[in-house]
Structures are given as structure tokens and as C-alpha cells.
Amino acid sequence: MKRILIVIDGSENDIDSLTSAKTFAAMTDARLTVAYARVPHHSIMGFGDFVFAGDDSERSAQNEAHAKAAFDQVCGDLTDARFLIYEASGETIISALGHAYDLVLVERLSSEDGPEASNLNAALFETGRPVLLIPPAAGGGIQRIAIAWNGTAQSSRAIKSAMPLLPAAQDIVLLQGSGAGEVPVELLLEYLAAYDLSASVQGYDSQRLTARARGRALIAAATEAGANLLVTGAFGEGQPGVLSGLGRATRKIVTAAPIPVLLQS
């Protein structure tokens, strides 16, 4: 990896997000670009037959100052990191720039709608790039990486995208759910071995579970394995909504995973 993109908004999570971004940039010797999504100075709100216009310039200036201070605090020692300001939403920034980066970082979602979900949607479905989902206070390095394997194209693409990160891990564990659709892992182990990588295999119970419960089971398996990073495909069901391309199992992962998750659609 050579280029990593993260969009921040001046919130209290910026320092944690930038710390994680810096960690992954160091792992891959990549250049980090931090884009700040500036809120337009004038906002318009509608309520029934009434429309209100408000001047948000003071709050916008405060958020921008907070974002720049967070960048200086965390990334000030990175000579090649850069801080860019765009008068656009995070979703728009990601859609416009994401294709020119190897990895797009997005904060873990607190809900399935709103700006965070729009950012994730743009990163997953409009850039063609892998997405790293960062939970609050992720911190630390990556000692053990868990890979969710079910033989699908999404899983295969996620593993390929994670290859620059795998050599930095002390351990790699392949997680395979039980029940229908079990796929042999021998060929995947052979593929990893071609890159001088070895992995252990760990099963977990995912049989006769709802989609969201399967997501919870995968999260539990990764955390019980002591993983600092989960690699998984982003699976869809074609249901309407802000997370329009994601299935219920993946929706659970992107809103609840306590560790960073590398996703690929």
C-alpha cells in the first residue's frame, strides 16, 4: 500500500481515528491523507410550512480548528502526511477521492443511518477499494489478524486486499463458521504459504442462526481468538436503506465490532 485516505469531521473521535490511521500507515509504509469535511456556513432547516436559515460559521470554525489540532497532535511527526480541507460532505469526498487510494478508513457506525453510514456506503460501493472500519479507541498495534473465510468472491477479495497487512501480524487465524456452505481451507492455506505466511484454523458455531446472529457470532469468534483486526467480505442482500448494499450480518459487524475490520465488497 502506498496511499491511505481518512475523512474526519472535527468530532471528539478524531484523535482516536487518526491514531489508528497512523498505525496502519506505518504498517504498510503508506502516505496518509487526512481530509476534513467542512460544514457549509449556512444551513437550512425545514419544519412543516416554515423554513429556517441558520449561520453555523462559528461551529464550523471550531470543528475545523479541532480537526487541524488533532492532525497536528497525532500526525505532526509524519513528514509526508497531509491535511486537506474540502467544503463537502464526507460521502462526497470519499466518492471523489477514494479510487486514488489503496485503503479508505471510516469510523465504525453508531447506527445504520446518518452521515457515518453514508460514508461507509460511498467507501464500499463507489471507490472499488477496501475499507478499514475503525472502532472508538482502537489503539495499539496489530498482533493477530482474524480472517473470515467462507469461499465467496467477497472473502477472496478481502484477503487479497489484506495481503500488505498480513506480514506485520505475529499470528493469523482463519475463522470458519459451521453448517451449510463449509468450504475447505487447504487451498487458502496454500495460497498464504506462497507468501511465506502461515495460519491456524478455528471453527465457530454459526448454524441455524439469523443473519444478525451470524454477524455477532463472527465478532465473538474474532475477539475470543484475541484478534486485533478482522478481515471479511461485505455481503449484501439488496435491501433498501442507507446501507443499501449490505446484508444484515454485515450490518451487525459494521455497527458492533470492537476491533478494526477490513471490508471488501
C-alpha atoms as a PDB file:
ATOM      1  CA  MET A   1       0.000   0.000   0.000  1.00  0.00           C
ATOM      2  CA  LYS A   2       1.191   3.485  -0.867  1.00  0.00           C
ATOM      3  CA  ARG A   3      -1.767   5.781  -0.110  1.00  0.00           C
ATOM      4  CA  ILE A   4      -4.344   5.782   2.699  1.00  0.00           C
ATOM      5  CA  LEU A   5      -7.318   8.163   2.963  1.00  0.00           C
ATOM      6  CA  ILE A   6      -9.296   9.104   6.062  1.00  0.00           C
ATOM      7  CA  VAL A   7     -12.031  11.742   6.369  1.00  0.00           C
ATOM      8  CA  ILE A   8     -12.541  13.493   9.722  1.00  0.00           C
ATOM      9  CA  ASP A   9     -15.200  15.955  10.850  1.00  0.00           C
ATOM     10  CA  GLY A  10     -13.804  17.762  13.874  1.00  0.00           C
ATOM     11  CA  SER A  11     -15.530  15.474  16.377  1.00  0.00           C
ATOM     12  CA  GLU A  12     -14.117  14.138  19.630  1.00  0.00           C
ATOM     13  CA  ASN A  13     -13.322  10.847  17.849  1.00  0.00           C
ATOM     14  CA  ASP A  14     -10.748  12.428  15.526  1.00  0.00           C
ATOM     15  CA  ILE A  15      -7.711  11.713  17.699  1.00  0.00           C
ATOM     16  CA  ASP A  16      -8.600   8.025  18.091  1.00  0.00           C
ATOM     17  CA  SER A  17      -9.329   7.678  14.374  1.00  0.00           C
ATOM     18  CA  LEU A  18      -6.089   9.390  13.369  1.00  0.00           C
ATOM     19  CA  THR A  19      -4.095   7.263  15.808  1.00  0.00           C
ATOM     20  CA  SER A  20      -5.433   4.123  14.132  1.00  0.00           C
ATOM     21  CA  ALA A  21      -4.809   5.597  10.687  1.00  0.00           C
ATOM     22  CA  LYS A  22      -1.218   6.382  11.640  1.00  0.00           C
ATOM     23  CA  THR A  23      -0.727   2.811  12.880  1.00  0.00           C
ATOM     24  CA  PHE A  24      -1.890   1.297   9.593  1.00  0.00           C
ATOM     25  CA  ALA A  25       0.138   3.775   7.548  1.00  0.00           C
ATOM     26  CA  ALA A  26       3.252   2.757   9.496  1.00  0.00           C
ATOM     27  CA  MET A  27       2.484  -0.941   8.957  1.00  0.00           C
ATOM     28  CA  THR A  28       2.449  -0.510   5.190  1.00  0.00           C
ATOM     29  CA  ASP A  29       4.837   2.443   4.799  1.00  0.00           C
ATOM     30  CA  ALA A  30       1.965   4.321   3.166  1.00  0.00           C
ATOM     31  CA  ARG A  31       1.391   8.052   2.850  1.00  0.00           C
ATOM     32  CA  LEU A  32      -1.574   9.269   4.902  1.00  0.00           C
ATOM     33  CA  THR A  33      -4.029  11.841   3.569  1.00  0.00           C
ATOM     34  CA  VAL A  34      -6.436  13.367   6.094  1.00  0.00           C
ATOM     35  CA  ALA A  35      -9.411  15.163   4.546  1.00  0.00           C
ATOM     36  CA  TYR A  36     -11.596  17.437   6.639  1.00  0.00           C
ATOM     37  CA  ALA A  37     -15.256  17.679   5.639  1.00  0.00           C
ATOM     38  CA  ARG A  38     -16.107  21.334   6.235  1.00  0.00           C
ATOM     39  CA  VAL A  39     -19.748  22.020   7.086  1.00  0.00           C
ATOM     40  CA  PRO A  40     -21.199  24.824   4.930  1.00  0.00           C
ATOM     41  CA  HIS A  41     -21.521  28.068   6.879  1.00  0.00           C
ATOM     42  CA  HIS A  42     -25.238  28.401   6.242  1.00  0.00           C
ATOM     43  CA  SER A  43     -27.680  25.584   6.912  1.00  0.00           C
ATOM     44  CA  ILE A  44     -31.357  25.471   6.046  1.00  0.00           C
ATOM     45  CA  MET A  45     -33.885  23.560   8.108  1.00  0.00           C
ATOM     46  CA  GLY A  46     -37.498  22.858   7.261  1.00  0.00           C
ATOM     47  CA  PHE A  47     -40.353  22.351   9.750  1.00  0.00           C
ATOM     48  CA  GLY A  48     -43.811  21.979   8.314  1.00  0.00           C
ATOM     49  CA  ASP A  49     -44.526  25.085   6.240  1.00  0.00           C
ATOM     50  CA  PHE A  50     -41.642  27.009   7.802  1.00  0.00           C
ATOM     51  CA  VAL A  51     -38.033  27.215   6.684  1.00  0.00           C
ATOM     52  CA  PHE A  52     -35.262  28.458   8.957  1.00  0.00           C
ATOM     53  CA  ALA A  53     -31.815  29.574   7.862  1.00  0.00           C
ATOM     54  CA  GLY A  54     -29.054  29.453  10.448  1.00  0.00           C
ATOM     55  CA  ASP A  55     -25.469  30.624  10.448  1.00  0.00           C
ATOM     56  CA  ASP A  56     -23.214  27.743  11.534  1.00  0.00           C
ATOM     57  CA  SER A  57     -19.965  29.575  10.807  1.00  0.00           C
ATOM     58  CA  GLU A  58     -18.807  29.641  14.435  1.00  0.00           C
ATOM     59  CA  ARG A  59     -19.407  25.930  14.979  1.00  0.00           C
ATOM     60  CA  SER A  60     -17.824  25.108  11.628  1.00  0.00           C
ATOM     61  CA  ALA A  61     -14.726  27.117  12.533  1.00  0.00           C
ATOM     62  CA  GLN A  62     -14.478  25.337  15.883  1.00  0.00           C
ATOM     63  CA  ASN A  63     -14.779  21.915  14.246  1.00  0.00           C
ATOM     64  CA  GLU A  64     -12.148  22.800  11.659  1.00  0.00           C
ATOM     65  CA  ALA A  65      -9.764  24.032  14.356  1.00  0.00           C
ATOM     66  CA  HIS A  66     -10.336  20.840  16.356  1.00  0.00           C
ATOM     67  CA  ALA A  67      -9.665  18.686  13.289  1.00  0.00           C
ATOM     68  CA  LYS A  68      -6.431  20.528  12.464  1.00  0.00           C
ATOM     69  CA  ALA A  69      -5.291  20.340  16.107  1.00  0.00           C
ATOM     70  CA  ALA A  70      -5.969  16.588  16.160  1.00  0.00           C
ATOM     71  CA  PHE A  71      -3.973  16.161  12.942  1.00  0.00           C
ATOM     72  CA  ASP A  72      -1.055  18.182  14.317  1.00  0.00           C
ATOM     73  CA  GLN A  73      -1.089  16.243  17.589  1.00  0.00           C
ATOM     74  CA  VAL A  74      -1.197  12.765  16.054  1.00  0.00           C
ATOM     75  CA  CYS A  75       0.455  13.187  12.668  1.00  0.00           C
ATOM     76  CA  GLY A  76       2.774  16.111  13.264  1.00  0.00           C
ATOM     77  CA  ASP A  77       5.829  13.861  13.155  1.00  0.00           C
ATOM     78  CA  LEU A  78       4.879  12.380   9.763  1.00  0.00           C
ATOM     79  CA  THR A  79       6.734  14.365   7.138  1.00  0.00           C
ATOM     80  CA  ASP A  80       4.645  13.038   4.246  1.00  0.00           C
ATOM     81  CA  ALA A  81       1.172  13.197   5.839  1.00  0.00           C
ATOM     82  CA  ARG A  82      -1.119  15.932   4.561  1.00  0.00           C
ATOM     83  CA  PHE A  83      -4.238  17.709   5.813  1.00  0.00           C
ATOM     84  CA  LEU A  84      -6.726  18.818   3.157  1.00  0.00           C
ATOM     85  CA  ILE A  85      -9.955  20.782   3.573  1.00  0.00           C
ATOM     86  CA  TYR A  86     -12.992  20.289   1.329  1.00  0.00           C
ATOM     87  CA  GLU A  87     -16.303  22.130   1.512  1.00  0.00           C
ATOM     88  CA  ALA A  88     -18.265  18.938   1.006  1.00  0.00           C
ATOM     89  CA  SER A  89     -19.752  16.038   2.909  1.00  0.00           C
ATOM     90  CA  GLY A  90     -17.614  13.077   3.891  1.00  0.00           C
ATOM     91  CA  GLU A  91     -19.615  10.942   1.468  1.00  0.00           C
ATOM     92  CA  THR A  92     -18.823  13.280  -1.431  1.00  0.00           C
ATOM     93  CA  ILE A  93     -15.138  13.461  -0.541  1.00  0.00           C
ATOM     94  CA  ILE A  94     -14.817   9.681  -0.351  1.00  0.00           C
ATOM     95  CA  SER A  95     -16.675   9.172  -3.637  1.00  0.00           C
ATOM     96  CA  ALA A  96     -14.474  11.712  -5.421  1.00  0.00           C
ATOM     97  CA  LEU A  97     -11.083  10.734  -3.984  1.00  0.00           C
ATOM     98  CA  GLY A  98     -11.332   7.132  -2.832  1.00  0.00           C
ATOM     99  CA  HIS A  99     -10.439   5.486  -6.133  1.00  0.00           C
ATOM    100  CA  ALA A 100      -6.999   7.149  -5.983  1.00  0.00           C
ATOM    101  CA  TYR A 101      -6.094   5.458  -2.677  1.00  0.00           C
ATOM    102  CA  ASP A 102      -5.235   1.905  -1.691  1.00  0.00           C
ATOM    103  CA  LEU A 103      -7.282   1.944   1.522  1.00  0.00           C
ATOM    104  CA  VAL A 104     -10.143   4.112   2.806  1.00  0.00           C
ATOM    105  CA  LEU A 105     -10.609   4.436   6.567  1.00  0.00           C
ATOM    106  CA  VAL A 106     -14.072   5.026   8.040  1.00  0.00           C
ATOM    107  CA  GLU A 107     -15.239   5.287  11.656  1.00  0.00           C
ATOM    108  CA  ARG A 108     -17.314   2.384  12.938  1.00  0.00           C
ATOM    109  CA  LEU A 109     -21.000   3.151  12.692  1.00  0.00           C
ATOM    110  CA  SER A 110     -23.087   4.045  15.745  1.00  0.00           C
ATOM    111  CA  SER A 111     -26.293   3.455  13.759  1.00  0.00           C
ATOM    112  CA  GLU A 112     -27.394   2.201  10.352  1.00  0.00           C
ATOM    113  CA  ASP A 113     -28.256   5.649   9.017  1.00  0.00           C
ATOM    114  CA  GLY A 114     -26.851   9.154   9.039  1.00  0.00           C
ATOM    115  CA  PRO A 115     -23.546  10.587   7.750  1.00  0.00           C
ATOM    116  CA  GLU A 116     -21.417   7.702   9.068  1.00  0.00           C
ATOM    117  CA  ALA A 117     -23.471   5.165   7.130  1.00  0.00           C
ATOM    118  CA  SER A 118     -23.358   7.342   4.011  1.00  0.00           C
ATOM    119  CA  ASN A 119     -19.562   7.497   4.283  1.00  0.00           C
ATOM    120  CA  LEU A 120     -19.331   3.711   4.550  1.00  0.00           C
ATOM    121  CA  ASN A 121     -21.701   3.218   1.627  1.00  0.00           C
ATOM    122  CA  ALA A 122     -19.588   5.522  -0.525  1.00  0.00           C
ATOM    123  CA  ALA A 123     -16.356   3.828   0.508  1.00  0.00           C
ATOM    124  CA  LEU A 124     -17.620   0.299  -0.127  1.00  0.00           C
ATOM    125  CA  PHE A 125     -19.643   0.772  -3.285  1.00  0.00           C
ATOM    126  CA  GLU A 126     -18.270   3.843  -5.079  1.00  0.00           C
ATOM    127  CA  THR A 127     -14.489   3.554  -4.754  1.00  0.00           C
ATOM    128  CA  GLY A 128     -13.727  -0.077  -5.592  1.00  0.00           C
ATOM    129  CA  ARG A 129     -11.250  -0.050  -2.701  1.00  0.00           C
ATOM    130  CA  PRO A 130     -11.002  -1.979   0.568  1.00  0.00           C
ATOM    131  CA  VAL A 131     -12.396  -0.188   3.603  1.00  0.00           C
ATOM    132  CA  LEU A 132     -10.973  -0.219   7.105  1.00  0.00           C
ATOM    133  CA  LEU A 133     -13.632   0.314   9.757  1.00  0.00           C
ATOM    134  CA  ILE A 134     -12.207   1.846  12.941  1.00  0.00           C
ATOM    135  CA  PRO A 135     -13.982   1.487  16.311  1.00  0.00           C
ATOM    136  CA  PRO A 136     -13.634   4.131  19.028  1.00  0.00           C
ATOM    137  CA  ALA A 137     -10.357   3.922  20.965  1.00  0.00           C
ATOM    138  CA  ALA A 138      -8.992   1.096  18.814  1.00  0.00           C
ATOM    139  CA  GLY A 139      -5.400   1.989  19.744  1.00  0.00           C
ATOM    140  CA  GLY A 140      -2.447  -0.385  19.805  1.00  0.00           C
ATOM    141  CA  GLY A 141      -0.857  -2.328  17.003  1.00  0.00           C
ATOM    142  CA  ILE A 142      -1.906  -5.435  15.106  1.00  0.00           C
ATOM    143  CA  GLN A 143      -0.549  -8.640  16.634  1.00  0.00           C
ATOM    144  CA  ARG A 144      -3.179 -11.143  15.475  1.00  0.00           C
ATOM    145  CA  ILE A 145      -5.337 -10.942  12.363  1.00  0.00           C
ATOM    146  CA  ALA A 146      -8.514 -12.997  12.004  1.00  0.00           C
ATOM    147  CA  ILE A 147      -9.746 -13.822   8.504  1.00  0.00           C
ATOM    148  CA  ALA A 148     -13.373 -14.831   7.983  1.00  0.00           C
ATOM    149  CA  TRP A 149     -13.401 -17.458   5.243  1.00  0.00           C
ATOM    150  CA  ASN A 150     -16.478 -18.869   3.512  1.00  0.00           C
ATOM    151  CA  GLY A 151     -15.188 -19.375  -0.017  1.00  0.00           C
ATOM    152  CA  THR A 152     -17.032 -16.432  -1.556  1.00  0.00           C
ATOM    153  CA  ALA A 153     -15.677 -13.877  -4.004  1.00  0.00           C
ATOM    154  CA  GLN A 154     -16.099 -11.168  -1.361  1.00  0.00           C
ATOM    155  CA  SER A 155     -13.954 -13.124   1.106  1.00  0.00           C
ATOM    156  CA  SER A 156     -11.340 -13.744  -1.557  1.00  0.00           C
ATOM    157  CA  ARG A 157     -11.162 -10.057  -2.478  1.00  0.00           C
ATOM    158  CA  ALA A 158     -10.923  -9.059   1.198  1.00  0.00           C
ATOM    159  CA  ILE A 159      -7.989 -11.426   1.737  1.00  0.00           C
ATOM    160  CA  LYS A 160      -6.213 -10.121  -1.353  1.00  0.00           C
ATOM    161  CA  SER A 161      -6.651  -6.555  -0.110  1.00  0.00           C
ATOM    162  CA  ALA A 162      -5.320  -7.517   3.326  1.00  0.00           C
ATOM    163  CA  MET A 163      -2.113  -9.075   1.993  1.00  0.00           C
ATOM    164  CA  PRO A 164       0.029  -5.952   2.639  1.00  0.00           C
ATOM    165  CA  LEU A 165      -1.057  -6.068   6.304  1.00  0.00           C
ATOM    166  CA  LEU A 166      -0.647  -9.785   6.999  1.00  0.00           C
ATOM    167  CA  PRO A 167       3.180  -9.913   7.209  1.00  0.00           C
ATOM    168  CA  ALA A 168       3.108  -7.408  10.083  1.00  0.00           C
ATOM    169  CA  ALA A 169       0.974  -9.712  12.251  1.00  0.00           C
ATOM    170  CA  GLN A 170       2.502 -12.175  14.682  1.00  0.00           C
ATOM    171  CA  ASP A 171      -0.348 -14.635  14.120  1.00  0.00           C
ATOM    172  CA  ILE A 172      -3.061 -15.232  11.539  1.00  0.00           C
ATOM    173  CA  VAL A 173      -6.176 -17.265  12.271  1.00  0.00           C
ATOM    174  CA  LEU A 174      -8.771 -18.382   9.718  1.00  0.00           C
ATOM    175  CA  LEU A 175     -12.306 -18.347  11.102  1.00  0.00           C
ATOM    176  CA  GLN A 176     -14.821 -20.713   9.535  1.00  0.00           C
ATOM    177  CA  GLY A 177     -18.458 -20.966  10.540  1.00  0.00           C
ATOM    178  CA  SER A 178     -20.215 -24.299  10.918  1.00  0.00           C
ATOM    179  CA  GLY A 179     -23.197 -25.559   8.980  1.00  0.00           C
ATOM    180  CA  ALA A 180     -24.115 -25.480   5.321  1.00  0.00           C
ATOM    181  CA  GLY A 181     -21.606 -23.978   2.965  1.00  0.00           C
ATOM    182  CA  GLU A 182     -18.462 -25.091   4.776  1.00  0.00           C
ATOM    183  CA  VAL A 183     -15.537 -24.646   2.418  1.00  0.00           C
ATOM    184  CA  PRO A 184     -12.173 -26.452   2.676  1.00  0.00           C
ATOM    185  CA  VAL A 185      -9.386 -24.125   3.738  1.00  0.00           C
ATOM    186  CA  GLU A 186      -6.449 -26.119   2.367  1.00  0.00           C
ATOM    187  CA  LEU A 187      -6.165 -24.093  -0.837  1.00  0.00           C
ATOM    188  CA  LEU A 188      -6.273 -20.831   1.107  1.00  0.00           C
ATOM    189  CA  LEU A 189      -3.527 -22.072   3.432  1.00  0.00           C
ATOM    190  CA  GLU A 190      -1.514 -22.988   0.343  1.00  0.00           C
ATOM    191  CA  TYR A 191      -2.068 -19.508  -1.076  1.00  0.00           C
ATOM    192  CA  LEU A 192      -0.856 -17.868   2.139  1.00  0.00           C
ATOM    193  CA  ALA A 193       2.157 -20.183   2.248  1.00  0.00           C
ATOM    194  CA  ALA A 194       3.183 -18.935  -1.192  1.00  0.00           C
ATOM    195  CA  TYR A 195       3.712 -15.557   0.509  1.00  0.00           C
ATOM    196  CA  ASP A 196       5.574 -17.152   3.426  1.00  0.00           C
ATOM    197  CA  LEU A 197       2.540 -16.767   5.674  1.00  0.00           C
ATOM    198  CA  SER A 198       1.098 -19.435   7.946  1.00  0.00           C
ATOM    199  CA  ALA A 199      -2.267 -19.514   9.689  1.00  0.00           C
ATOM    200  CA  SER A 200      -4.177 -21.606  12.179  1.00  0.00           C
ATOM    201  CA  VAL A 201      -7.805 -22.601  11.573  1.00  0.00           C
ATOM    202  CA  GLN A 202     -10.552 -22.047  14.119  1.00  0.00           C
ATOM    203  CA  GLY A 203     -14.183 -23.029  13.728  1.00  0.00           C
ATOM    204  CA  TYR A 204     -17.148 -21.339  15.358  1.00  0.00           C
ATOM    205  CA  ASP A 205     -20.841 -22.136  15.604  1.00  0.00           C
ATOM    206  CA  SER A 206     -22.940 -20.262  13.052  1.00  0.00           C
ATOM    207  CA  GLN A 207     -25.505 -22.950  12.252  1.00  0.00           C
ATOM    208  CA  ARG A 208     -29.233 -22.215  12.461  1.00  0.00           C
ATOM    209  CA  LEU A 209     -28.619 -18.558  13.317  1.00  0.00           C
ATOM    210  CA  THR A 210     -30.312 -15.452  11.987  1.00  0.00           C
ATOM    211  CA  ALA A 211     -28.228 -13.177   9.780  1.00  0.00           C
ATOM    212  CA  ARG A 212     -27.566 -10.676  12.559  1.00  0.00           C
ATOM    213  CA  ALA A 213     -26.746 -13.506  14.954  1.00  0.00           C
ATOM    214  CA  ARG A 214     -24.184 -14.786  12.436  1.00  0.00           C
ATOM    215  CA  GLY A 215     -22.606 -11.357  12.498  1.00  0.00           C
ATOM    216  CA  ARG A 216     -22.484 -11.456  16.298  1.00  0.00           C
ATOM    217  CA  ALA A 217     -21.009 -14.967  16.203  1.00  0.00           C
ATOM    218  CA  LEU A 218     -18.213 -13.846  13.875  1.00  0.00           C
ATOM    219  CA  ILE A 219     -17.409 -10.854  16.088  1.00  0.00           C
ATOM    220  CA  ALA A 220     -17.321 -13.135  19.142  1.00  0.00           C
ATOM    221  CA  ALA A 221     -15.059 -15.646  17.386  1.00  0.00           C
ATOM    222  CA  ALA A 222     -12.610 -12.912  16.375  1.00  0.00           C
ATOM    223  CA  THR A 223     -12.459 -11.382  19.844  1.00  0.00           C
ATOM    224  CA  GLU A 224     -12.162 -14.782  21.536  1.00  0.00           C
ATOM    225  CA  ALA A 225      -9.243 -15.540  19.205  1.00  0.00           C
ATOM    226  CA  GLY A 226      -7.537 -12.398  20.501  1.00  0.00           C
ATOM    227  CA  ALA A 227      -7.576 -10.713  17.097  1.00  0.00           C
ATOM    228  CA  ASN A 228      -6.725  -7.024  16.702  1.00  0.00           C
ATOM    229  CA  LEU A 229      -8.073  -6.950  13.149  1.00  0.00           C
ATOM    230  CA  LEU A 230     -10.861  -8.833  11.366  1.00  0.00           C
ATOM    231  CA  VAL A 231     -10.768  -9.322   7.599  1.00  0.00           C
ATOM    232  CA  THR A 232     -14.111 -10.161   5.996  1.00  0.00           C
ATOM    233  CA  GLY A 233     -16.127  -9.730   2.845  1.00  0.00           C
ATOM    234  CA  ALA A 234     -19.005  -7.255   2.820  1.00  0.00           C
ATOM    235  CA  PHE A 235     -22.060  -9.297   1.950  1.00  0.00           C
ATOM    236  CA  GLY A 236     -25.319  -7.908   0.602  1.00  0.00           C
ATOM    237  CA  GLU A 237     -28.994  -8.732   0.386  1.00  0.00           C
ATOM    238  CA  GLY A 238     -30.145  -5.940  -1.897  1.00  0.00           C
ATOM    239  CA  GLN A 239     -32.459  -4.492   0.741  1.00  0.00           C
ATOM    240  CA  PRO A 240     -33.384  -0.789   0.669  1.00  0.00           C
ATOM    241  CA  GLY A 241     -31.947   1.627   3.198  1.00  0.00           C
ATOM    242  CA  VAL A 242     -28.922   3.818   3.731  1.00  0.00           C
ATOM    243  CA  LEU A 243     -26.669   0.767   3.936  1.00  0.00           C
ATOM    244  CA  SER A 244     -28.354  -0.281   0.729  1.00  0.00           C
ATOM    245  CA  GLY A 245     -25.867  -2.918  -0.364  1.00  0.00           C
ATOM    246  CA  LEU A 246     -25.198  -4.659   2.933  1.00  0.00           C
ATOM    247  CA  GLY A 247     -26.877  -7.725   4.355  1.00  0.00           C
ATOM    248  CA  ARG A 248     -27.979  -7.996   7.964  1.00  0.00           C
ATOM    249  CA  ALA A 249     -24.940  -9.988   9.113  1.00  0.00           C
ATOM    250  CA  THR A 250     -22.552  -7.370   7.728  1.00  0.00           C
ATOM    251  CA  ARG A 251     -24.686  -4.549   9.151  1.00  0.00           C
ATOM    252  CA  LYS A 252     -24.231  -6.062  12.596  1.00  0.00           C
ATOM    253  CA  ILE A 253     -20.472  -6.205  12.108  1.00  0.00           C
ATOM    254  CA  VAL A 254     -20.144  -2.578  10.973  1.00  0.00           C
ATOM    255  CA  THR A 255     -22.138  -1.287  13.957  1.00  0.00           C
ATOM    256  CA  ALA A 256     -20.823  -3.528  16.731  1.00  0.00           C
ATOM    257  CA  ALA A 257     -17.294  -4.808  16.051  1.00  0.00           C
ATOM    258  CA  PRO A 258     -14.966  -3.799  18.929  1.00  0.00           C
ATOM    259  CA  ILE A 259     -11.852  -4.219  16.750  1.00  0.00           C
ATOM    260  CA  PRO A 260     -10.887  -2.757  13.360  1.00  0.00           C
ATOM    261  CA  VAL A 261     -12.482  -4.543  10.398  1.00  0.00           C
ATOM    262  CA  LEU A 262     -11.158  -4.639   6.845  1.00  0.00           C
ATOM    263  CA  LEU A 263     -14.107  -4.979   4.458  1.00  0.00           C
ATOM    264  CA  GLN A 264     -14.267  -5.622   0.731  1.00  0.00           C
ATOM    265  CA  SER A 265     -17.451  -5.791  -1.321  1.00  0.00           C
END
